[in-house]
Amino acid sequence: MNRVIYDSIDPSPYQQGEAPEGEITQFYVPQGPDDNTLIFESRFESGNLRRAIQVYEYEYDLILKPDYNTRGYTQWYYFRVSNTKAGKNYRFNIINLIKPDSLYNHGMRPLMYSDA
């Protein structure tokens, strides 16, 4: 698939017209009730998702913004995901979370929160 479904900087090719002043519209809008594409958002305080690319129906490559005052390192991630479907397994490949060592190498697991 390799289609960009979220970008925190570039304008959305899925939107028609401009958002009202002071408002942010979602980057991708599902094309109908059978559209399983996830909706990502990180344009809020501390959000650091730069881009999400859908590579397969339930798999996404994620690119993070680097941490401030570093040499391009990223040690954390914070973004919102919606339009999830119960019973489906999603795979997120964070492709630029690069450090020589990480607590993930020693068993740490990602933190997730759901209000559904």
PDB file of N, CA and C in Angstrom:
ATOM      1  N   MET A   1       0.830  -1.193   0.000  1.00  0.00           N
ATOM      2  CA  MET A   1       0.000   0.000   0.000  1.00  0.00           C
ATOM      3  C   MET A   1       0.873   1.254   0.000  1.00  0.00           C
ATOM      4  N   ASN A   2       1.743   1.373   1.002  1.00  0.00           N
ATOM      5  CA  ASN A   2       2.663   2.509   1.102  1.00  0.00           C
ATOM      6  C   ASN A   2       1.985   3.851   0.861  1.00  0.00           C
ATOM      7  N   ARG A   3       0.939   4.126   1.612  1.00  0.00           N
ATOM      8  CA  ARG A   3       0.281   5.431   1.463  1.00  0.00           C
ATOM      9  C   ARG A   3       0.360   6.195   2.778  1.00  0.00           C
ATOM     10  N   VAL A   4       0.692   7.472   2.662  1.00  0.00           N
ATOM     11  CA  VAL A   4       0.785   8.344   3.829  1.00  0.00           C
ATOM     12  C   VAL A   4      -0.638   8.632   4.293  1.00  0.00           C
ATOM     13  N   ILE A   5      -0.910   8.265   5.550  1.00  0.00           N
ATOM     14  CA  ILE A   5      -2.248   8.526   6.088  1.00  0.00           C
ATOM     15  C   ILE A   5      -2.205   9.531   7.239  1.00  0.00           C
ATOM     16  N   TYR A   6      -0.993   9.984   7.602  1.00  0.00           N
ATOM     17  CA  TYR A   6      -0.873  11.050   8.589  1.00  0.00           C
ATOM     18  C   TYR A   6       0.459  11.744   8.389  1.00  0.00           C
ATOM     19  N   ASP A   7       0.432  13.059   8.441  1.00  0.00           N
ATOM     20  CA  ASP A   7       1.642  13.869   8.427  1.00  0.00           C
ATOM     21  C   ASP A   7       1.372  15.109   9.259  1.00  0.00           C
ATOM     22  N   SER A   8       2.222  15.355  10.253  1.00  0.00           N
ATOM     23  CA  SER A   8       1.968  16.474  11.160  1.00  0.00           C
ATOM     24  C   SER A   8       2.359  17.823  10.569  1.00  0.00           C
ATOM     25  N   ILE A   9       3.051  17.822   9.437  1.00  0.00           N
ATOM     26  CA  ILE A   9       3.520  19.081   8.858  1.00  0.00           C
ATOM     27  C   ILE A   9       2.911  19.350   7.481  1.00  0.00           C
ATOM     28  N   ASP A  10       2.994  18.382   6.588  1.00  0.00           N
ATOM     29  CA  ASP A  10       2.500  18.571   5.221  1.00  0.00           C
ATOM     30  C   ASP A  10       0.978  18.579   5.190  1.00  0.00           C
ATOM     31  N   PRO A  11       0.380  19.313   4.249  1.00  0.00           N
ATOM     32  CA  PRO A  11      -1.086  19.343   4.155  1.00  0.00           C
ATOM     33  C   PRO A  11      -1.637  18.001   3.667  1.00  0.00           C
ATOM     34  N   SER A  12      -2.861  17.712   4.014  1.00  0.00           N
ATOM     35  CA  SER A  12      -3.497  16.451   3.659  1.00  0.00           C
ATOM     36  C   SER A  12      -4.018  16.479   2.230  1.00  0.00           C
ATOM     37  N   PRO A  13      -3.705  15.442   1.450  1.00  0.00           N
ATOM     38  CA  PRO A  13      -4.297  15.354   0.108  1.00  0.00           C
ATOM     39  C   PRO A  13      -5.739  14.841   0.164  1.00  0.00           C
ATOM     40  N   TYR A  14      -6.200  14.397   1.335  1.00  0.00           N
ATOM     41  CA  TYR A  14      -7.545  13.838   1.487  1.00  0.00           C
ATOM     42  C   TYR A  14      -8.580  14.907   1.823  1.00  0.00           C
ATOM     43  N   GLN A  15      -8.142  16.098   2.197  1.00  0.00           N
ATOM     44  CA  GLN A  15      -9.047  17.165   2.614  1.00  0.00           C
ATOM     45  C   GLN A  15      -9.309  18.121   1.458  1.00  0.00           C
ATOM     46  N   GLN A  16     -10.515  18.608   1.405  1.00  0.00           N
ATOM     47  CA  GLN A  16     -10.888  19.618   0.424  1.00  0.00           C
ATOM     48  C   GLN A  16     -11.101  20.935   1.158  1.00  0.00           C
ATOM     49  N   GLY A  17     -10.425  21.986   0.741  1.00  0.00           N
ATOM     50  CA  GLY A  17     -10.592  23.286   1.365  1.00  0.00           C
ATOM     51  C   GLY A  17      -9.756  23.428   2.620  1.00  0.00           C
ATOM     52  N   GLU A  18      -9.908  24.558   3.277  1.00  0.00           N
ATOM     53  CA  GLU A  18      -9.143  24.894   4.468  1.00  0.00           C
ATOM     54  C   GLU A  18      -9.960  24.649   5.736  1.00  0.00           C
ATOM     55  N   ALA A  19      -9.265  24.341   6.813  1.00  0.00           N
ATOM     56  CA  ALA A  19      -9.924  24.200   8.110  1.00  0.00           C
ATOM     57  C   ALA A  19     -10.261  25.593   8.643  1.00  0.00           C
ATOM     58  N   PRO A  20     -11.336  25.722   9.408  1.00  0.00           N
ATOM     59  CA  PRO A  20     -11.635  27.017  10.031  1.00  0.00           C
ATOM     60  C   PRO A  20     -10.458  27.467  10.895  1.00  0.00           C
ATOM     61  N   GLU A  21     -10.275  28.766  10.991  1.00  0.00           N
ATOM     62  CA  GLU A  21      -9.142  29.302  11.747  1.00  0.00           C
ATOM     63  C   GLU A  21      -9.164  28.800  13.185  1.00  0.00           C
ATOM     64  N   GLY A  22      -7.995  28.342  13.644  1.00  0.00           N
ATOM     65  CA  GLY A  22      -7.864  27.856  15.007  1.00  0.00           C
ATOM     66  C   GLY A  22      -8.255  26.395  15.187  1.00  0.00           C
ATOM     67  N   GLU A  23      -8.703  25.736  14.125  1.00  0.00           N
ATOM     68  CA  GLU A  23      -9.094  24.339  14.218  1.00  0.00           C
ATOM     69  C   GLU A  23      -8.172  23.470  13.371  1.00  0.00           C
ATOM     70  N   ILE A  24      -8.020  22.224  13.801  1.00  0.00           N
ATOM     71  CA  ILE A  24      -7.218  21.257  13.056  1.00  0.00           C
ATOM     72  C   ILE A  24      -8.155  20.135  12.614  1.00  0.00           C
ATOM     73  N   THR A  25      -8.177  19.852  11.323  1.00  0.00           N
ATOM     74  CA  THR A  25      -8.980  18.736  10.841  1.00  0.00           C
ATOM     75  C   THR A  25      -8.097  17.504  10.754  1.00  0.00           C
ATOM     76  N   GLN A  26      -8.725  16.331  10.894  1.00  0.00           N
ATOM     77  CA  GLN A  26      -7.928  15.116  10.824  1.00  0.00           C
ATOM     78  C   GLN A  26      -7.350  14.953   9.432  1.00  0.00           C
ATOM     79  N   PHE A  27      -6.157  14.371   9.365  1.00  0.00           N
ATOM     80  CA  PHE A  27      -5.427  14.233   8.108  1.00  0.00           C
ATOM     81  C   PHE A  27      -6.138  13.284   7.153  1.00  0.00           C
ATOM     82  N   TYR A  28      -6.559  12.141   7.670  1.00  0.00           N
ATOM     83  CA  TYR A  28      -7.233  11.140   6.837  1.00  0.00           C
ATOM     84  C   TYR A  28      -8.669  10.982   7.313  1.00  0.00           C
ATOM     85  N   VAL A  29      -9.597  10.932   6.387  1.00  0.00           N
ATOM     86  CA  VAL A  29     -11.010  10.731   6.690  1.00  0.00           C
ATOM     87  C   VAL A  29     -11.419   9.391   6.086  1.00  0.00           C
ATOM     88  N   PRO A  30     -11.912   8.453   6.903  1.00  0.00           N
ATOM     89  CA  PRO A  30     -12.332   7.152   6.342  1.00  0.00           C
ATOM     90  C   PRO A  30     -13.331   7.338   5.208  1.00  0.00           C
ATOM     91  N   GLN A  31     -13.203   6.479   4.198  1.00  0.00           N
ATOM     92  CA  GLN A  31     -14.018   6.599   2.992  1.00  0.00           C
ATOM     93  C   GLN A  31     -15.365   5.882   3.097  1.00  0.00           C
ATOM     94  N   GLY A  32     -15.650   5.310   4.253  1.00  0.00           N
ATOM     95  CA  GLY A  32     -16.928   4.626   4.461  1.00  0.00           C
ATOM     96  C   GLY A  32     -16.840   3.714   5.665  1.00  0.00           C
ATOM     97  N   PRO A  33     -17.937   3.041   6.022  1.00  0.00           N
ATOM     98  CA  PRO A  33     -17.939   2.195   7.213  1.00  0.00           C
ATOM     99  C   PRO A  33     -17.022   0.980   7.109  1.00  0.00           C
ATOM    100  N   ASP A  34     -16.677   0.558   5.914  1.00  0.00           N
ATOM    101  CA  ASP A  34     -15.795  -0.594   5.722  1.00  0.00           C
ATOM    102  C   ASP A  34     -14.324  -0.203   5.619  1.00  0.00           C
ATOM    103  N   ASP A  35     -14.009   1.082   5.733  1.00  0.00           N
ATOM    104  CA  ASP A  35     -12.622   1.561   5.672  1.00  0.00           C
ATOM    105  C   ASP A  35     -11.971   1.324   7.031  1.00  0.00           C
ATOM    106  N   ASN A  36     -11.038   0.392   7.098  1.00  0.00           N
ATOM    107  CA  ASN A  36     -10.361   0.032   8.346  1.00  0.00           C
ATOM    108  C   ASN A  36      -9.105   0.848   8.605  1.00  0.00           C
ATOM    109  N   THR A  37      -8.837   1.840   7.803  1.00  0.00           N
ATOM    110  CA  THR A  37      -7.639   2.648   7.964  1.00  0.00           C
ATOM    111  C   THR A  37      -7.674   3.378   9.310  1.00  0.00           C
ATOM    112  N   LEU A  38      -6.573   3.289  10.053  1.00  0.00           N
ATOM    113  CA  LEU A  38      -6.493   3.977  11.336  1.00  0.00           C
ATOM    114  C   LEU A  38      -6.335   5.474  11.128  1.00  0.00           C
ATOM    115  N   ILE A  39      -6.799   6.225  12.103  1.00  0.00           N
ATOM    116  CA  ILE A  39      -6.663   7.688  12.086  1.00  0.00           C
ATOM    117  C   ILE A  39      -5.678   8.056  13.184  1.00  0.00           C
ATOM    118  N   PHE A  40      -4.579   8.688  12.805  1.00  0.00           N
ATOM    119  CA  PHE A  40      -3.526   9.088  13.739  1.00  0.00           C
ATOM    120  C   PHE A  40      -3.611  10.585  13.987  1.00  0.00           C
ATOM    121  N   GLU A  41      -3.178  11.003  15.173  1.00  0.00           N
ATOM    122  CA  GLU A  41      -3.087  12.435  15.497  1.00  0.00           C
ATOM    123  C   GLU A  41      -1.999  12.652  16.526  1.00  0.00           C
ATOM    124  N   SER A  42      -1.194  13.686  16.325  1.00  0.00           N
ATOM    125  CA  SER A  42      -0.171  14.065  17.313  1.00  0.00           C
ATOM    126  C   SER A  42       0.031  15.571  17.370  1.00  0.00           C
ATOM    127  N   ARG A  43      -0.871  16.331  16.756  1.00  0.00           N
ATOM    128  CA  ARG A  43      -0.741  17.786  16.781  1.00  0.00           C
ATOM    129  C   ARG A  43      -1.353  18.345  18.054  1.00  0.00           C
ATOM    130  N   PHE A  44      -0.754  17.920  19.184  1.00  0.00           N
ATOM    131  CA  PHE A  44      -1.133  18.398  20.507  1.00  0.00           C
ATOM    132  C   PHE A  44       0.137  18.444  21.344  1.00  0.00           C
ATOM    133  N   GLU A  45       0.052  19.042  22.522  1.00  0.00           N
ATOM    134  CA  GLU A  45       1.234  19.221  23.357  1.00  0.00           C
ATOM    135  C   GLU A  45       1.924  17.888  23.631  1.00  0.00           C
ATOM    136  N   SER A  46       3.210  17.837  23.362  1.00  0.00           N
ATOM    137  CA  SER A  46       4.087  16.680  23.543  1.00  0.00           C
ATOM    138  C   SER A  46       3.899  15.589  22.498  1.00  0.00           C
ATOM    139  N   GLY A  47       2.948  15.722  21.585  1.00  0.00           N
ATOM    140  CA  GLY A  47       2.801  14.739  20.505  1.00  0.00           C
ATOM    141  C   GLY A  47       4.027  14.777  19.614  1.00  0.00           C
ATOM    142  N   ASN A  48       4.535  13.604  19.230  1.00  0.00           N
ATOM    143  CA  ASN A  48       5.758  13.616  18.432  1.00  0.00           C
ATOM    144  C   ASN A  48       5.722  12.676  17.231  1.00  0.00           C
ATOM    145  N   LEU A  49       4.547  12.277  16.777  1.00  0.00           N
ATOM    146  CA  LEU A  49       4.455  11.491  15.553  1.00  0.00           C
ATOM    147  C   LEU A  49       4.569  12.431  14.364  1.00  0.00           C
ATOM    148  N   ARG A  50       5.524  12.183  13.506  1.00  0.00           N
ATOM    149  CA  ARG A  50       5.729  13.026  12.320  1.00  0.00           C
ATOM    150  C   ARG A  50       4.897  12.520  11.151  1.00  0.00           C
ATOM    151  N   ARG A  51       4.949  11.195  10.903  1.00  0.00           N
ATOM    152  CA  ARG A  51       4.275  10.636   9.736  1.00  0.00           C
ATOM    153  C   ARG A  51       3.880   9.184  10.002  1.00  0.00           C
ATOM    154  N   ALA A  52       2.732   8.776   9.472  1.00  0.00           N
ATOM    155  CA  ALA A  52       2.283   7.382   9.517  1.00  0.00           C
ATOM    156  C   ALA A  52       2.023   6.925   8.084  1.00  0.00           C
ATOM    157  N   ILE A  53       2.590   5.777   7.750  1.00  0.00           N
ATOM    158  CA  ILE A  53       2.453   5.227   6.404  1.00  0.00           C
ATOM    159  C   ILE A  53       1.814   3.850   6.529  1.00  0.00           C
ATOM    160  N   GLN A  54       0.716   3.648   5.844  1.00  0.00           N
ATOM    161  CA  GLN A  54       0.060   2.337   5.866  1.00  0.00           C
ATOM    162  C   GLN A  54       0.763   1.454   4.841  1.00  0.00           C
ATOM    163  N   VAL A  55       1.366   0.354   5.322  1.00  0.00           N
ATOM    164  CA  VAL A  55       2.100  -0.539   4.424  1.00  0.00           C
ATOM    165  C   VAL A  55       1.297  -1.786   4.064  1.00  0.00           C
ATOM    166  N   TYR A  56       0.432  -2.249   4.961  1.00  0.00           N
ATOM    167  CA  TYR A  56      -0.520  -3.331   4.718  1.00  0.00           C
ATOM    168  C   TYR A  56      -1.816  -2.950   5.402  1.00  0.00           C
ATOM    169  N   GLU A  57      -2.842  -3.757   5.281  1.00  0.00           N
ATOM    170  CA  GLU A  57      -4.144  -3.372   5.821  1.00  0.00           C
ATOM    171  C   GLU A  57      -4.086  -3.056   7.309  1.00  0.00           C
ATOM    172  N   TYR A  58      -3.310  -3.827   8.084  1.00  0.00           N
ATOM    173  CA  TYR A  58      -3.238  -3.606   9.528  1.00  0.00           C
ATOM    174  C   TYR A  58      -1.807  -3.357  10.013  1.00  0.00           C
ATOM    175  N   GLU A  59      -0.953  -2.846   9.131  1.00  0.00           N
ATOM    176  CA  GLU A  59       0.436  -2.570   9.502  1.00  0.00           C
ATOM    177  C   GLU A  59       0.817  -1.160   9.048  1.00  0.00           C
ATOM    178  N   TYR A  60       1.526  -0.451   9.957  1.00  0.00           N
ATOM    179  CA  TYR A  60       1.861   0.949   9.716  1.00  0.00           C
ATOM    180  C   TYR A  60       3.318   1.207  10.072  1.00  0.00           C
ATOM    181  N   ASP A  61       4.021   1.946   9.219  1.00  0.00           N
ATOM    182  CA  ASP A  61       5.353   2.449   9.544  1.00  0.00           C
ATOM    183  C   ASP A  61       5.173   3.841  10.128  1.00  0.00           C
ATOM    184  N   LEU A  62       5.776   4.073  11.293  1.00  0.00           N
ATOM    185  CA  LEU A  62       5.651   5.361  11.977  1.00  0.00           C
ATOM    186  C   LEU A  62       7.008   6.037  12.038  1.00  0.00           C
ATOM    187  N   ILE A  63       7.031   7.326  11.757  1.00  0.00           N
ATOM    188  CA  ILE A  63       8.249   8.135  11.851  1.00  0.00           C
ATOM    189  C   ILE A  63       7.997   9.190  12.916  1.00  0.00           C
ATOM    190  N   LEU A  64       8.894   9.254  13.893  1.00  0.00           N
ATOM    191  CA  LEU A  64       8.751  10.182  15.010  1.00  0.00           C
ATOM    192  C   LEU A  64       9.590  11.430  14.788  1.00  0.00           C
ATOM    193  N   LYS A  65       9.181  12.524  15.414  1.00  0.00           N
ATOM    194  CA  LYS A  65      10.004  13.726  15.441  1.00  0.00           C
ATOM    195  C   LYS A  65      11.116  13.506  16.461  1.00  0.00           C
ATOM    196  N   PRO A  66      12.340  13.954  16.174  1.00  0.00           N
ATOM    197  CA  PRO A  66      13.410  13.772  17.166  1.00  0.00           C
ATOM    198  C   PRO A  66      13.183  14.655  18.394  1.00  0.00           C
ATOM    199  N   ASP A  67      13.728  14.192  19.528  1.00  0.00           N
ATOM    200  CA  ASP A  67      13.640  14.965  20.770  1.00  0.00           C
ATOM    201  C   ASP A  67      14.414  16.272  20.612  1.00  0.00           C
ATOM    202  N   TYR A  68      13.928  17.317  21.258  1.00  0.00           N
ATOM    203  CA  TYR A  68      14.615  18.601  21.238  1.00  0.00           C
ATOM    204  C   TYR A  68      15.951  18.497  21.965  1.00  0.00           C
ATOM    205  N   ASN A  69      16.899  19.313  21.559  1.00  0.00           N
ATOM    206  CA  ASN A  69      18.225  19.406  22.180  1.00  0.00           C
ATOM    207  C   ASN A  69      18.965  18.068  22.191  1.00  0.00           C
ATOM    208  N   THR A  70      18.774  17.281  21.139  1.00  0.00           N
ATOM    209  CA  THR A  70      19.545  16.051  20.965  1.00  0.00           C
ATOM    210  C   THR A  70      20.149  16.089  19.569  1.00  0.00           C
ATOM    211  N   ARG A  71      20.921  15.091  19.275  1.00  0.00           N
ATOM    212  CA  ARG A  71      21.500  14.968  17.931  1.00  0.00           C
ATOM    213  C   ARG A  71      20.662  14.033  17.078  1.00  0.00           C
ATOM    214  N   GLY A  72      19.356  14.205  17.163  1.00  0.00           N
ATOM    215  CA  GLY A  72      18.448  13.413  16.354  1.00  0.00           C
ATOM    216  C   GLY A  72      17.911  12.176  17.036  1.00  0.00           C
ATOM    217  N   TYR A  73      18.186  12.014  18.336  1.00  0.00           N
ATOM    218  CA  TYR A  73      17.677  10.850  19.044  1.00  0.00           C
ATOM    219  C   TYR A  73      16.206  11.009  19.384  1.00  0.00           C
ATOM    220  N   THR A  74      15.523   9.892  19.460  1.00  0.00           N
ATOM    221  CA  THR A  74      14.142   9.854  19.911  1.00  0.00           C
ATOM    222  C   THR A  74      14.033   8.751  20.941  1.00  0.00           C
ATOM    223  N   GLN A  75      13.569   9.077  22.139  1.00  0.00           N
ATOM    224  CA  GLN A  75      13.517   8.099  23.217  1.00  0.00           C
ATOM    225  C   GLN A  75      12.091   7.775  23.652  1.00  0.00           C
ATOM    226  N   TRP A  76      11.098   8.408  23.088  1.00  0.00           N
ATOM    227  CA  TRP A  76       9.729   8.212  23.530  1.00  0.00           C
ATOM    228  C   TRP A  76       8.803   8.470  22.358  1.00  0.00           C
ATOM    229  N   TYR A  77       7.533   8.203  22.548  1.00  0.00           N
ATOM    230  CA  TYR A  77       6.533   8.469  21.520  1.00  0.00           C
ATOM    231  C   TYR A  77       5.207   8.771  22.197  1.00  0.00           C
ATOM    232  N   TYR A  78       4.425   9.618  21.535  1.00  0.00           N
ATOM    233  CA  TYR A  78       3.142  10.023  22.095  1.00  0.00           C
ATOM    234  C   TYR A  78       2.250  10.454  20.946  1.00  0.00           C
ATOM    235  N   PHE A  79       1.189   9.698  20.694  1.00  0.00           N
ATOM    236  CA  PHE A  79       0.247  10.013  19.632  1.00  0.00           C
ATOM    237  C   PHE A  79      -1.073   9.310  19.929  1.00  0.00           C
ATOM    238  N   ARG A  80      -2.113   9.689  19.186  1.00  0.00           N
ATOM    239  CA  ARG A  80      -3.446   9.124  19.370  1.00  0.00           C
ATOM    240  C   ARG A  80      -3.813   8.326  18.113  1.00  0.00           C
ATOM    241  N   VAL A  81      -4.539   7.228  18.334  1.00  0.00           N
ATOM    242  CA  VAL A  81      -5.009   6.388  17.227  1.00  0.00           C
ATOM    243  C   VAL A  81      -6.498   6.155  17.421  1.00  0.00           C
ATOM    244  N   SER A  82      -7.268   6.274  16.350  1.00  0.00           N
ATOM    245  CA  SER A  82      -8.698   5.965  16.414  1.00  0.00           C
ATOM    246  C   SER A  82      -9.097   5.163  15.180  1.00  0.00           C
ATOM    247  N   ASN A  83     -10.341   4.792  15.093  1.00  0.00           N
ATOM    248  CA  ASN A  83     -10.915   3.948  14.049  1.00  0.00           C
ATOM    249  C   ASN A  83     -10.405   2.504  14.144  1.00  0.00           C
ATOM    250  N   THR A  84     -10.066   2.066  15.362  1.00  0.00           N
ATOM    251  CA  THR A  84      -9.628   0.685  15.557  1.00  0.00           C
ATOM    252  C   THR A  84     -10.842  -0.239  15.543  1.00  0.00           C
ATOM    253  N   LYS A  85     -10.613  -1.475  15.189  1.00  0.00           N
ATOM    254  CA  LYS A  85     -11.668  -2.486  15.142  1.00  0.00           C
ATOM    255  C   LYS A  85     -11.346  -3.583  16.139  1.00  0.00           C
ATOM    256  N   ALA A  86     -12.340  -4.012  16.911  1.00  0.00           N
ATOM    257  CA  ALA A  86     -12.162  -5.088  17.897  1.00  0.00           C
ATOM    258  C   ALA A  86     -11.769  -6.380  17.195  1.00  0.00           C
ATOM    259  N   GLY A  87     -10.861  -7.125  17.831  1.00  0.00           N
ATOM    260  CA  GLY A  87     -10.457  -8.418  17.306  1.00  0.00           C
ATOM    261  C   GLY A  87      -9.398  -8.374  16.216  1.00  0.00           C
ATOM    262  N   LYS A  88      -8.909  -7.210  15.879  1.00  0.00           N
ATOM    263  CA  LYS A  88      -7.870  -7.081  14.852  1.00  0.00           C
ATOM    264  C   LYS A  88      -6.529  -6.829  15.527  1.00  0.00           C
ATOM    265  N   ASN A  89      -5.481  -7.409  14.988  1.00  0.00           N
ATOM    266  CA  ASN A  89      -4.118  -7.163  15.468  1.00  0.00           C
ATOM    267  C   ASN A  89      -3.465  -6.143  14.556  1.00  0.00           C
ATOM    268  N   TYR A  90      -2.996  -5.058  15.150  1.00  0.00           N
ATOM    269  CA  TYR A  90      -2.316  -4.003  14.401  1.00  0.00           C
ATOM    270  C   TYR A  90      -0.828  -4.075  14.684  1.00  0.00           C
ATOM    271  N   ARG A  91      -0.028  -3.737  13.701  1.00  0.00           N
ATOM    272  CA  ARG A  91       1.418  -3.699  13.882  1.00  0.00           C
ATOM    273  C   ARG A  91       1.906  -2.285  13.572  1.00  0.00           C
ATOM    274  N   PHE A  92       2.633  -1.693  14.540  1.00  0.00           N
ATOM    275  CA  PHE A  92       3.256  -0.383  14.367  1.00  0.00           C
ATOM    276  C   PHE A  92       4.758  -0.584  14.336  1.00  0.00           C
ATOM    277  N   ASN A  93       5.389  -0.209  13.246  1.00  0.00           N
ATOM    278  CA  ASN A  93       6.841  -0.269  13.111  1.00  0.00           C
ATOM    279  C   ASN A  93       7.380   1.144  13.297  1.00  0.00           C
ATOM    280  N   ILE A  94       7.968   1.409  14.447  1.00  0.00           N
ATOM    281  CA  ILE A  94       8.573   2.730  14.671  1.00  0.00           C
ATOM    282  C   ILE A  94       9.968   2.651  14.076  1.00  0.00           C
ATOM    283  N   ILE A  95      10.134   3.261  12.922  1.00  0.00           N
ATOM    284  CA  ILE A  95      11.340   2.995  12.141  1.00  0.00           C
ATOM    285  C   ILE A  95      12.516   3.920  12.448  1.00  0.00           C
ATOM    286  N   ASN A  96      12.309   4.951  13.249  1.00  0.00           N
ATOM    287  CA  ASN A  96      13.451   5.819  13.564  1.00  0.00           C
ATOM    288  C   ASN A  96      13.660   5.959  15.076  1.00  0.00           C
ATOM    289  N   LEU A  97      13.278   4.963  15.853  1.00  0.00           N
ATOM    290  CA  LEU A  97      13.548   4.940  17.289  1.00  0.00           C
ATOM    291  C   LEU A  97      14.907   4.261  17.451  1.00  0.00           C
ATOM    292  N   ILE A  98      15.961   5.042  17.184  1.00  0.00           N
ATOM    293  CA  ILE A  98      17.302   4.482  17.075  1.00  0.00           C
ATOM    294  C   ILE A  98      18.186   4.978  18.219  1.00  0.00           C
ATOM    295  N   LYS A  99      18.682   4.027  18.985  1.00  0.00           N
ATOM    296  CA  LYS A  99      19.652   4.300  20.042  1.00  0.00           C
ATOM    297  C   LYS A  99      20.557   3.074  20.127  1.00  0.00           C
ATOM    298  N   PRO A 100      21.782   3.225  20.637  1.00  0.00           N
ATOM    299  CA  PRO A 100      22.650   2.058  20.755  1.00  0.00           C
ATOM    300  C   PRO A 100      22.074   0.983  21.682  1.00  0.00           C
ATOM    301  N   ASP A 101      21.352   1.396  22.720  1.00  0.00           N
ATOM    302  CA  ASP A 101      20.734   0.444  23.632  1.00  0.00           C
ATOM    303  C   ASP A 101      19.420   1.042  24.117  1.00  0.00           C
ATOM    304  N   SER A 102      18.521   0.199  24.556  1.00  0.00           N
ATOM    305  CA  SER A 102      17.210   0.653  24.985  1.00  0.00           C
ATOM    306  C   SER A 102      16.663  -0.322  26.011  1.00  0.00           C
ATOM    307  N   LEU A 103      15.782   0.162  26.876  1.00  0.00           N
ATOM    308  CA  LEU A 103      15.125  -0.721  27.825  1.00  0.00           C
ATOM    309  C   LEU A 103      14.224  -1.732  27.126  1.00  0.00           C
ATOM    310  N   TYR A 104      13.800  -1.430  25.890  1.00  0.00           N
ATOM    311  CA  TYR A 104      13.017  -2.403  25.127  1.00  0.00           C
ATOM    312  C   TYR A 104      13.831  -3.669  24.863  1.00  0.00           C
ATOM    313  N   ASN A 105      15.156  -3.540  24.773  1.00  0.00           N
ATOM    314  CA  ASN A 105      16.022  -4.708  24.591  1.00  0.00           C
ATOM    315  C   ASN A 105      16.068  -5.571  25.844  1.00  0.00           C
ATOM    316  N   HIS A 106      15.597  -5.047  26.956  1.00  0.00           N
ATOM    317  CA  HIS A 106      15.648  -5.756  28.232  1.00  0.00           C
ATOM    318  C   HIS A 106      14.256  -6.081  28.773  1.00  0.00           C
ATOM    319  N   GLY A 107      13.256  -6.100  27.895  1.00  0.00           N
ATOM    320  CA  GLY A 107      11.925  -6.538  28.282  1.00  0.00           C
ATOM    321  C   GLY A 107      10.874  -5.475  28.502  1.00  0.00           C
ATOM    322  N   MET A 108      11.224  -4.189  28.427  1.00  0.00           N
ATOM    323  CA  MET A 108      10.214  -3.154  28.608  1.00  0.00           C
ATOM    324  C   MET A 108       9.184  -3.251  27.468  1.00  0.00           C
ATOM    325  N   ARG A 109       7.917  -2.982  27.784  1.00  0.00           N
ATOM    326  CA  ARG A 109       6.832  -3.050  26.809  1.00  0.00           C
ATOM    327  C   ARG A 109       6.255  -1.659  26.583  1.00  0.00           C
ATOM    328  N   PRO A 110       5.686  -1.413  25.411  1.00  0.00           N
ATOM    329  CA  PRO A 110       5.041  -0.111  25.147  1.00  0.00           C
ATOM    330  C   PRO A 110       3.862   0.118  26.088  1.00  0.00           C
ATOM    331  N   LEU A 111       3.612   1.370  26.418  1.00  0.00           N
ATOM    332  CA  LEU A 111       2.471   1.741  27.246  1.00  0.00           C
ATOM    333  C   LEU A 111       1.341   2.170  26.317  1.00  0.00           C
ATOM    334  N   MET A 112       0.160   1.603  26.543  1.00  0.00           N
ATOM    335  CA  MET A 112      -0.999   1.961  25.758  1.00  0.00           C
ATOM    336  C   MET A 112      -2.147   2.272  26.707  1.00  0.00           C
ATOM    337  N   TYR A 113      -3.027   3.152  26.277  1.00  0.00           N
ATOM    338  CA  TYR A 113      -4.193   3.515  27.068  1.00  0.00           C
ATOM    339  C   TYR A 113      -5.397   3.531  26.124  1.00  0.00           C
ATOM    340  N   SER A 114      -6.505   3.011  26.577  1.00  0.00           N
ATOM    341  CA  SER A 114      -7.722   3.032  25.785  1.00  0.00           C
ATOM    342  C   SER A 114      -8.873   3.457  26.673  1.00  0.00           C
ATOM    343  N   ASP A 115      -9.727   4.337  26.158  1.00  0.00           N
ATOM    344  CA  ASP A 115     -10.913   4.728  26.922  1.00  0.00           C
ATOM    345  C   ASP A 115     -12.167   4.068  26.335  1.00  0.00           C
ATOM    346  N   ALA A 116     -11.972   3.102  25.460  1.00  0.00           N
ATOM    347  CA  ALA A 116     -13.124   2.384  24.855  1.00  0.00           C
ATOM    348  C   ALA A 116     -13.340   1.059  25.541  1.00  0.00           C
TER     349      ALA A 116
END
